[in-house]
Amino acid sequence: QLLLRIREKGITNIRIDRRDAIEVLELLPAGSLSGAFLLFPD
């Protein structure tokens, strides 16, 4: 659904990862984030 809307709106500044969040956190460089959101998690 997000990919559909990205195409509709011509958004270019989003990338998507389908892996477990903890795995993704392990793969990002230290100090690489300006902010993080966790909105209405399970």
All heavy atoms as atom14 arrays in JSON, in Angstrom:
{
  "sequence": "QLLLRIREKGITNIRIDRRDAIEVLELLPAGSLSGAFLLFPD",
  "atom14_mask": [
    [1, 1, 1, 1, 1, 1, 1, 1, 1, 0, 0, 0, 0, 0],
    [1, 1, 1, 1, 1, 1, 1, 1, 0, 0, 0, 0, 0, 0],
    [1, 1, 1, 1, 1, 1, 1, 1, 0, 0, 0, 0, 0, 0],
    [1, 1, 1, 1, 1, 1, 1, 1, 0, 0, 0, 0, 0, 0],
    [1, 1, 1, 1, 1, 1, 1, 1, 1, 1, 1, 0, 0, 0],
    [1, 1, 1, 1, 1, 1, 1, 1, 0, 0, 0, 0, 0, 0],
    [1, 1, 1, 1, 1, 1, 1, 1, 1, 1, 1, 0, 0, 0],
    [1, 1, 1, 1, 1, 1, 1, 1, 1, 0, 0, 0, 0, 0],
    [1, 1, 1, 1, 1, 1, 1, 1, 1, 0, 0, 0, 0, 0],
    [1, 1, 1, 1, 0, 0, 0, 0, 0, 0, 0, 0, 0, 0],
    [1, 1, 1, 1, 1, 1, 1, 1, 0, 0, 0, 0, 0, 0],
    [1, 1, 1, 1, 1, 1, 1, 0, 0, 0, 0, 0, 0, 0],
    [1, 1, 1, 1, 1, 1, 1, 1, 0, 0, 0, 0, 0, 0],
    [1, 1, 1, 1, 1, 1, 1, 1, 0, 0, 0, 0, 0, 0],
    [1, 1, 1, 1, 1, 1, 1, 1, 1, 1, 1, 0, 0, 0],
    [1, 1, 1, 1, 1, 1, 1, 1, 0, 0, 0, 0, 0, 0],
    [1, 1, 1, 1, 1, 1, 1, 1, 0, 0, 0, 0, 0, 0],
    [1, 1, 1, 1, 1, 1, 1, 1, 1, 1, 1, 0, 0, 0],
    [1, 1, 1, 1, 1, 1, 1, 1, 1, 1, 1, 0, 0, 0],
    [1, 1, 1, 1, 1, 1, 1, 1, 0, 0, 0, 0, 0, 0],
    [1, 1, 1, 1, 1, 0, 0, 0, 0, 0, 0, 0, 0, 0],
    [1, 1, 1, 1, 1, 1, 1, 1, 0, 0, 0, 0, 0, 0],
    [1, 1, 1, 1, 1, 1, 1, 1, 1, 0, 0, 0, 0, 0],
    [1, 1, 1, 1, 1, 1, 1, 0, 0, 0, 0, 0, 0, 0],
    [1, 1, 1, 1, 1, 1, 1, 1, 0, 0, 0, 0, 0, 0],
    [1, 1, 1, 1, 1, 1, 1, 1, 1, 0, 0, 0, 0, 0],
    [1, 1, 1, 1, 1, 1, 1, 1, 0, 0, 0, 0, 0, 0],
    [1, 1, 1, 1, 1, 1, 1, 1, 0, 0, 0, 0, 0, 0],
    [1, 1, 1, 1, 1, 1, 1, 0, 0, 0, 0, 0, 0, 0],
    [1, 1, 1, 1, 1, 0, 0, 0, 0, 0, 0, 0, 0, 0],
    [1, 1, 1, 1, 0, 0, 0, 0, 0, 0, 0, 0, 0, 0],
    [1, 1, 1, 1, 1, 1, 0, 0, 0, 0, 0, 0, 0, 0],
    [1, 1, 1, 1, 1, 1, 1, 1, 0, 0, 0, 0, 0, 0],
    [1, 1, 1, 1, 1, 1, 0, 0, 0, 0, 0, 0, 0, 0],
    [1, 1, 1, 1, 0, 0, 0, 0, 0, 0, 0, 0, 0, 0],
    [1, 1, 1, 1, 1, 0, 0, 0, 0, 0, 0, 0, 0, 0],
    [1, 1, 1, 1, 1, 1, 1, 1, 1, 1, 1, 0, 0, 0],
    [1, 1, 1, 1, 1, 1, 1, 1, 0, 0, 0, 0, 0, 0],
    [1, 1, 1, 1, 1, 1, 1, 1, 0, 0, 0, 0, 0, 0],
    [1, 1, 1, 1, 1, 1, 1, 1, 1, 1, 1, 0, 0, 0],
    [1, 1, 1, 1, 1, 1, 1, 0, 0, 0, 0, 0, 0, 0],
    [1, 1, 1, 1, 1, 1, 1, 1, 0, 0, 0, 0, 0, 0]
  ],
  "atom14_positions": [
    [[0.83, -1.2, 0.0], [0.0, 0.0, 0.0], [0.87, 1.26, 0.0], [0.58, 2.22, -0.71], [-0.92, 0.0, 1.23], [-1.86, 1.17, 1.31], [-2.89, 1.18, 0.19], [-3.18, 0.14, -0.4], [-3.46, 2.35, -0.09], [0.0, 0.0, 0.0], [0.0, 0.0, 0.0], [0.0, 0.0, 0.0], [0.0, 0.0, 0.0], [0.0, 0.0, 0.0]],
    [[1.94, 1.25, 0.79], [2.82, 2.41, 0.81], [3.49, 2.61, -0.54], [3.59, 3.74, -1.03], [3.88, 2.25, 1.91], [4.91, 3.39, 1.98], [4.25, 4.74, 2.2], [5.93, 3.11, 3.09], [0.0, 0.0, 0.0], [0.0, 0.0, 0.0], [0.0, 0.0, 0.0], [0.0, 0.0, 0.0], [0.0, 0.0, 0.0], [0.0, 0.0, 0.0]],
    [[3.91, 1.53, -1.17], [4.53, 1.65, -2.49], [3.55, 2.24, -3.51], [3.93, 3.06, -4.36], [5.03, 0.29, -2.95], [6.29, -0.23, -2.24], [6.54, -1.7, -2.58], [7.51, 0.61, -2.6], [0.0, 0.0, 0.0], [0.0, 0.0, 0.0], [0.0, 0.0, 0.0], [0.0, 0.0, 0.0], [0.0, 0.0, 0.0], [0.0, 0.0, 0.0]],
    [[2.29, 1.82, -3.43], [1.27, 2.39, -4.32], [1.19, 3.9, -4.16], [1.17, 4.66, -5.15], [-0.1, 1.79, -3.98], [-0.56, 0.54, -4.7], [-1.9, 0.09, -4.13], [-0.68, 0.78, -6.2], [0.0, 0.0, 0.0], [0.0, 0.0, 0.0], [0.0, 0.0, 0.0], [0.0, 0.0, 0.0], [0.0, 0.0, 0.0], [0.0, 0.0, 0.0]],
    [[1.17, 4.36, -2.92], [0.99, 5.79, -2.66], [2.26, 6.57, -2.95], [2.2, 7.75, -3.31], [0.5, 5.98, -1.23], [-0.84, 5.28, -0.98], [-1.42, 5.67, 0.34], [-1.8, 7.07, 0.36], [-2.0, 7.77, 1.48], [-1.85, 7.18, 2.67], [-2.33, 9.04, 1.43], [0.0, 0.0, 0.0], [0.0, 0.0, 0.0], [0.0, 0.0, 0.0]],
    [[3.42, 5.95, -2.77], [4.68, 6.58, -3.15], [4.65, 6.91, -4.64], [5.03, 8.01, -5.07], [5.88, 5.68, -2.81], [6.15, 5.72, -1.3], [7.12, 6.09, -3.58], [7.23, 4.73, -0.85], [0.0, 0.0, 0.0], [0.0, 0.0, 0.0], [0.0, 0.0, 0.0], [0.0, 0.0, 0.0], [0.0, 0.0, 0.0], [0.0, 0.0, 0.0]],
    [[4.19, 5.93, -5.44], [4.11, 6.16, -6.89], [3.08, 7.24, -7.22], [3.34, 8.12, -8.05], [3.76, 4.86, -7.61], [3.61, 5.03, -9.11], [3.69, 3.73, -9.85], [2.69, 2.77, -9.41], [2.65, 1.49, -9.81], [3.56, 1.03, -10.65], [1.71, 0.68, -9.37], [0.0, 0.0, 0.0], [0.0, 0.0, 0.0], [0.0, 0.0, 0.0]],
    [[1.93, 7.21, -6.57], [0.88, 8.19, -6.84], [1.36, 9.61, -6.56], [1.05, 10.55, -7.31], [-0.35, 7.89, -5.97], [-1.11, 6.65, -6.37], [-2.19, 6.29, -5.36], [-2.33, 7.05, -4.36], [-2.89, 5.29, -5.56], [0.0, 0.0, 0.0], [0.0, 0.0, 0.0], [0.0, 0.0, 0.0], [0.0, 0.0, 0.0], [0.0, 0.0, 0.0]],
    [[2.11, 9.78, -5.47], [2.5, 11.12, -5.04], [3.89, 11.53, -5.52], [4.33, 12.66, -5.26], [2.42, 11.22, -3.51], [0.99, 11.12, -2.98], [0.94, 11.33, -1.49], [-0.5, 11.37, -0.99], [-1.25, 12.53, -1.5], [0.0, 0.0, 0.0], [0.0, 0.0, 0.0], [0.0, 0.0, 0.0], [0.0, 0.0, 0.0], [0.0, 0.0, 0.0]],
    [[4.62, 10.62, -6.16], [5.94, 10.96, -6.67], [6.96, 11.2, -5.58], [7.89, 12.0, -5.74], [0.0, 0.0, 0.0], [0.0, 0.0, 0.0], [0.0, 0.0, 0.0], [0.0, 0.0, 0.0], [0.0, 0.0, 0.0], [0.0, 0.0, 0.0], [0.0, 0.0, 0.0], [0.0, 0.0, 0.0], [0.0, 0.0, 0.0], [0.0, 0.0, 0.0]],
    [[6.83, 10.49, -4.47], [7.76, 10.65, -3.34], [9.08, 9.95, -3.66], [9.08, 8.82, -4.17], [7.15, 10.06, -2.06], [5.85, 10.79, -1.7], [8.13, 10.1, -0.9], [6.02, 12.23, -1.29], [0.0, 0.0, 0.0], [0.0, 0.0, 0.0], [0.0, 0.0, 0.0], [0.0, 0.0, 0.0], [0.0, 0.0, 0.0], [0.0, 0.0, 0.0]],
    [[10.18, 10.59, -3.35], [11.5, 9.99, -3.64], [12.36, 9.78, -2.4], [13.42, 9.17, -2.5], [12.28, 10.88, -4.62], [12.48, 12.18, -4.04], [11.52, 11.04, -5.94], [0.0, 0.0, 0.0], [0.0, 0.0, 0.0], [0.0, 0.0, 0.0], [0.0, 0.0, 0.0], [0.0, 0.0, 0.0], [0.0, 0.0, 0.0], [0.0, 0.0, 0.0]],
    [[11.94, 10.28, -1.24], [12.8, 10.26, -0.06], [12.38, 9.23, 0.99], [12.55, 9.43, 2.19], [12.89, 11.65, 0.57], [11.53, 12.22, 0.96], [10.5, 11.85, 0.4], [11.52, 13.14, 1.91], [0.0, 0.0, 0.0], [0.0, 0.0, 0.0], [0.0, 0.0, 0.0], [0.0, 0.0, 0.0], [0.0, 0.0, 0.0], [0.0, 0.0, 0.0]],
    [[11.81, 8.11, 0.52], [11.46, 6.99, 1.4], [12.16, 5.72, 0.9], [12.19, 5.47, -0.31], [9.93, 6.73, 1.43], [9.2, 7.88, 2.12], [9.62, 5.42, 2.16], [7.68, 7.72, 2.11], [0.0, 0.0, 0.0], [0.0, 0.0, 0.0], [0.0, 0.0, 0.0], [0.0, 0.0, 0.0], [0.0, 0.0, 0.0], [0.0, 0.0, 0.0]],
    [[12.69, 4.95, 1.83], [13.15, 3.6, 1.54], [12.51, 2.67, 2.56], [12.2, 3.07, 3.7], [14.68, 3.49, 1.61], [15.42, 4.35, 0.6], [15.17, 3.91, -0.82], [15.9, 4.73, -1.77], [15.43, 5.85, -2.33], [14.21, 6.28, -2.01], [16.17, 6.54, -3.18], [0.0, 0.0, 0.0], [0.0, 0.0, 0.0], [0.0, 0.0, 0.0]],
    [[12.3, 1.4, 2.17], [11.54, 0.46, 2.98], [12.36, -0.79, 3.24], [13.0, -1.33, 2.33], [10.23, 0.06, 2.27], [9.38, 1.3, 1.97], [9.43, -0.93, 3.1], [8.19, 1.02, 1.06], [0.0, 0.0, 0.0], [0.0, 0.0, 0.0], [0.0, 0.0, 0.0], [0.0, 0.0, 0.0], [0.0, 0.0, 0.0], [0.0, 0.0, 0.0]],
    [[12.32, -1.24, 4.49], [12.97, -2.5, 4.87], [11.93, -3.42, 5.47], [11.15, -3.01, 6.34], [14.09, -2.23, 5.89], [15.11, -3.36, 5.94], [14.69, -4.53, 6.09], [16.31, -3.09, 5.83], [0.0, 0.0, 0.0], [0.0, 0.0, 0.0], [0.0, 0.0, 0.0], [0.0, 0.0, 0.0], [0.0, 0.0, 0.0], [0.0, 0.0, 0.0]],
    [[11.88, -4.67, 4.99], [10.85, -5.61, 5.44], [11.34, -6.55, 6.53], [10.62, -7.46, 6.94], [10.36, -6.45, 4.25], [9.79, -5.63, 3.13], [9.13, -6.45, 2.04], [9.86, -7.63, 1.63], [9.8, -8.18, 0.43], [9.01, -7.63, -0.49], [10.47, -9.25, 0.13], [0.0, 0.0, 0.0], [0.0, 0.0, 0.0], [0.0, 0.0, 0.0]],
    [[12.54, -6.35, 7.02], [13.09, -7.23, 8.05], [12.62, -6.82, 9.44], [12.03, -5.76, 9.64], [14.61, -7.22, 7.97], [15.15, -7.89, 6.73], [16.63, -7.72, 6.58], [16.99, -6.33, 6.25], [18.19, -5.95, 5.83], [19.15, -6.85, 5.69], [18.44, -4.68, 5.55], [0.0, 0.0, 0.0], [0.0, 0.0, 0.0], [0.0, 0.0, 0.0]],
    [[12.91, -7.68, 10.41], [12.61, -7.39, 11.81], [13.32, -6.11, 12.24], [14.47, -5.87, 11.87], [13.05, -8.57, 12.67], [12.77, -8.34, 14.14], [11.62, -8.53, 14.55], [13.71, -7.95, 14.86], [0.0, 0.0, 0.0], [0.0, 0.0, 0.0], [0.0, 0.0, 0.0], [0.0, 0.0, 0.0], [0.0, 0.0, 0.0], [0.0, 0.0, 0.0]],
    [[12.64, -5.29, 13.04], [13.19, -3.99, 13.42], [14.52, -4.12, 14.15], [15.44, -3.32, 13.91], [12.18, -3.25, 14.3], [0.0, 0.0, 0.0], [0.0, 0.0, 0.0], [0.0, 0.0, 0.0], [0.0, 0.0, 0.0], [0.0, 0.0, 0.0], [0.0, 0.0, 0.0], [0.0, 0.0, 0.0], [0.0, 0.0, 0.0], [0.0, 0.0, 0.0]],
    [[14.66, -5.1, 15.02], [15.9, -5.25, 15.77], [17.06, -5.56, 14.83], [18.18, -5.04, 15.0], [15.77, -6.35, 16.84], [14.74, -5.95, 17.9], [17.11, -6.64, 17.49], [15.1, -4.7, 18.69], [0.0, 0.0, 0.0], [0.0, 0.0, 0.0], [0.0, 0.0, 0.0], [0.0, 0.0, 0.0], [0.0, 0.0, 0.0], [0.0, 0.0, 0.0]],
    [[16.8, -6.36, 13.8], [17.84, -6.65, 12.82], [18.26, -5.39, 12.08], [19.47, -5.15, 11.86], [17.34, -7.7, 11.82], [18.39, -8.11, 10.8], [17.88, -9.14, 9.81], [16.73, -9.62, 9.99], [18.61, -9.47, 8.87], [0.0, 0.0, 0.0], [0.0, 0.0, 0.0], [0.0, 0.0, 0.0], [0.0, 0.0, 0.0], [0.0, 0.0, 0.0]],
    [[17.3, -4.56, 11.71], [17.62, -3.32, 11.01], [18.44, -2.39, 11.9], [19.4, -1.75, 11.45], [16.33, -2.63, 10.52], [16.65, -1.28, 9.88], [15.58, -3.52, 9.54], [0.0, 0.0, 0.0], [0.0, 0.0, 0.0], [0.0, 0.0, 0.0], [0.0, 0.0, 0.0], [0.0, 0.0, 0.0], [0.0, 0.0, 0.0], [0.0, 0.0, 0.0]],
    [[18.08, -2.3, 13.17], [18.84, -1.46, 14.09], [20.3, -1.89, 14.17], [21.19, -1.05, 14.33], [18.21, -1.49, 15.49], [16.82, -0.87, 15.65], [16.38, -0.96, 17.1], [16.79, 0.57, 15.17], [0.0, 0.0, 0.0], [0.0, 0.0, 0.0], [0.0, 0.0, 0.0], [0.0, 0.0, 0.0], [0.0, 0.0, 0.0], [0.0, 0.0, 0.0]],
    [[20.54, -3.18, 14.07], [21.91, -3.69, 14.13], [22.71, -3.3, 12.9], [23.94, -3.26, 12.94], [21.89, -5.21, 14.27], [21.3, -5.74, 15.56], [22.24, -5.61, 16.75], [23.35, -5.08, 16.56], [21.85, -6.01, 17.86], [0.0, 0.0, 0.0], [0.0, 0.0, 0.0], [0.0, 0.0, 0.0], [0.0, 0.0, 0.0], [0.0, 0.0, 0.0]],
    [[22.03, -3.02, 11.79], [22.71, -2.78, 10.51], [22.94, -1.31, 10.21], [23.68, -0.98, 9.28], [21.9, -3.41, 9.37], [21.76, -4.94, 9.42], [20.83, -5.41, 8.3], [23.12, -5.61, 9.29], [0.0, 0.0, 0.0], [0.0, 0.0, 0.0], [0.0, 0.0, 0.0], [0.0, 0.0, 0.0], [0.0, 0.0, 0.0], [0.0, 0.0, 0.0]],
    [[22.33, -0.42, 10.98], [22.51, 1.01, 10.75], [23.76, 1.52, 11.45], [24.1, 1.04, 12.54], [21.29, 1.78, 11.24], [20.05, 1.73, 10.35], [18.83, 2.24, 11.11], [20.26, 2.53, 9.07], [0.0, 0.0, 0.0], [0.0, 0.0, 0.0], [0.0, 0.0, 0.0], [0.0, 0.0, 0.0], [0.0, 0.0, 0.0], [0.0, 0.0, 0.0]],
    [[24.45, 2.5, 10.87], [25.66, 3.03, 11.5], [25.34, 3.84, 12.76], [24.27, 4.47, 12.86], [26.26, 3.94, 10.41], [25.57, 3.57, 9.14], [24.22, 3.06, 9.54], [0.0, 0.0, 0.0], [0.0, 0.0, 0.0], [0.0, 0.0, 0.0], [0.0, 0.0, 0.0], [0.0, 0.0, 0.0], [0.0, 0.0, 0.0], [0.0, 0.0, 0.0]],
    [[26.26, 3.85, 13.69], [26.11, 4.65, 14.91], [25.96, 6.12, 14.54], [26.63, 6.64, 13.64], [27.31, 4.46, 15.82], [0.0, 0.0, 0.0], [0.0, 0.0, 0.0], [0.0, 0.0, 0.0], [0.0, 0.0, 0.0], [0.0, 0.0, 0.0], [0.0, 0.0, 0.0], [0.0, 0.0, 0.0], [0.0, 0.0, 0.0], [0.0, 0.0, 0.0]],
    [[25.05, 6.8, 15.23], [24.86, 8.22, 15.02], [24.26, 8.59, 13.68], [24.38, 9.74, 13.23], [0.0, 0.0, 0.0], [0.0, 0.0, 0.0], [0.0, 0.0, 0.0], [0.0, 0.0, 0.0], [0.0, 0.0, 0.0], [0.0, 0.0, 0.0], [0.0, 0.0, 0.0], [0.0, 0.0, 0.0], [0.0, 0.0, 0.0], [0.0, 0.0, 0.0]],
    [[23.56, 7.66, 13.04], [23.04, 7.93, 11.69], [21.64, 8.51, 11.69], [21.17, 8.99, 10.65], [23.06, 6.65, 10.85], [22.28, 5.63, 11.46], [0.0, 0.0, 0.0], [0.0, 0.0, 0.0], [0.0, 0.0, 0.0], [0.0, 0.0, 0.0], [0.0, 0.0, 0.0], [0.0, 0.0, 0.0], [0.0, 0.0, 0.0], [0.0, 0.0, 0.0]],
    [[20.93, 8.49, 12.82], [19.53, 8.91, 12.86], [19.36, 10.27, 13.54], [19.94, 10.52, 14.6], [18.69, 7.88, 13.62], [18.58, 6.48, 13.03], [17.73, 5.61, 13.94], [18.01, 6.51, 11.62], [0.0, 0.0, 0.0], [0.0, 0.0, 0.0], [0.0, 0.0, 0.0], [0.0, 0.0, 0.0], [0.0, 0.0, 0.0], [0.0, 0.0, 0.0]],
    [[18.53, 11.09, 12.94], [18.14, 12.35, 13.57], [16.87, 12.17, 14.41], [16.59, 12.99, 15.29], [17.89, 13.42, 12.51], [19.1, 13.75, 11.84], [0.0, 0.0, 0.0], [0.0, 0.0, 0.0], [0.0, 0.0, 0.0], [0.0, 0.0, 0.0], [0.0, 0.0, 0.0], [0.0, 0.0, 0.0], [0.0, 0.0, 0.0], [0.0, 0.0, 0.0]],
    [[16.13, 11.13, 14.15], [14.92, 10.86, 14.92], [14.36, 9.5, 14.6], [14.67, 8.91, 13.56], [0.0, 0.0, 0.0], [0.0, 0.0, 0.0], [0.0, 0.0, 0.0], [0.0, 0.0, 0.0], [0.0, 0.0, 0.0], [0.0, 0.0, 0.0], [0.0, 0.0, 0.0], [0.0, 0.0, 0.0], [0.0, 0.0, 0.0], [0.0, 0.0, 0.0]],
    [[13.54, 8.96, 15.52], [12.91, 7.66, 15.32], [11.49, 7.71, 15.86], [11.24, 8.32, 16.9], [13.71, 6.56, 16.03], [0.0, 0.0, 0.0], [0.0, 0.0, 0.0], [0.0, 0.0, 0.0], [0.0, 0.0, 0.0], [0.0, 0.0, 0.0], [0.0, 0.0, 0.0], [0.0, 0.0, 0.0], [0.0, 0.0, 0.0], [0.0, 0.0, 0.0]],
    [[10.58, 7.06, 15.14], [9.17, 7.02, 15.5], [8.74, 5.58, 15.74], [9.08, 4.68, 14.97], [8.31, 7.6, 14.38], [8.57, 9.04, 14.07], [9.52, 9.4, 13.13], [7.86, 10.05, 14.71], [9.76, 10.73, 12.82], [8.09, 11.39, 14.41], [9.05, 11.73, 13.47], [0.0, 0.0, 0.0], [0.0, 0.0, 0.0], [0.0, 0.0, 0.0]],
    [[7.95, 5.39, 16.78], [7.28, 4.12, 17.04], [5.82, 4.47, 17.34], [5.47, 4.81, 18.47], [7.93, 3.4, 18.23], [7.33, 2.04, 18.59], [7.59, 1.01, 17.48], [7.9, 1.53, 19.91], [0.0, 0.0, 0.0], [0.0, 0.0, 0.0], [0.0, 0.0, 0.0], [0.0, 0.0, 0.0], [0.0, 0.0, 0.0], [0.0, 0.0, 0.0]],
    [[4.99, 4.43, 16.31], [3.63, 4.92, 16.42], [2.64, 3.76, 16.41], [2.52, 3.04, 15.43], [3.33, 5.88, 15.25], [4.3, 7.07, 15.11], [3.91, 7.92, 13.91], [4.33, 7.91, 16.38], [0.0, 0.0, 0.0], [0.0, 0.0, 0.0], [0.0, 0.0, 0.0], [0.0, 0.0, 0.0], [0.0, 0.0, 0.0], [0.0, 0.0, 0.0]],
    [[1.98, 3.57, 17.52], [0.94, 2.56, 17.69], [1.45, 1.15, 17.36], [0.91, 0.47, 16.49], [-0.3, 2.96, 16.87], [-0.76, 4.34, 17.26], [-0.32, 5.45, 16.57], [-1.55, 4.51, 18.38], [-0.69, 6.73, 16.97], [-1.92, 5.79, 18.79], [-1.49, 6.89, 18.09], [0.0, 0.0, 0.0], [0.0, 0.0, 0.0], [0.0, 0.0, 0.0]],
    [[2.49, 0.74, 18.09], [3.03, -0.61, 17.89], [2.09, -1.67, 18.46], [1.16, -1.36, 19.22], [4.34, -0.59, 18.69], [4.07, 0.39, 19.79], [3.2, 1.47, 19.16], [0.0, 0.0, 0.0], [0.0, 0.0, 0.0], [0.0, 0.0, 0.0], [0.0, 0.0, 0.0], [0.0, 0.0, 0.0], [0.0, 0.0, 0.0], [0.0, 0.0, 0.0]],
    [[2.33, -2.91, 18.07], [1.57, -4.03, 18.62], [1.71, -4.0, 20.14], [2.82, -4.06, 20.66], [2.12, -5.35, 18.07], [1.22, -6.53, 18.39], [0.54, -6.51, 19.44], [1.22, -7.49, 17.6], [0.0, 0.0, 0.0], [0.0, 0.0, 0.0], [0.0, 0.0, 0.0], [0.0, 0.0, 0.0], [0.0, 0.0, 0.0], [0.0, 0.0, 0.0]]
  ]
}
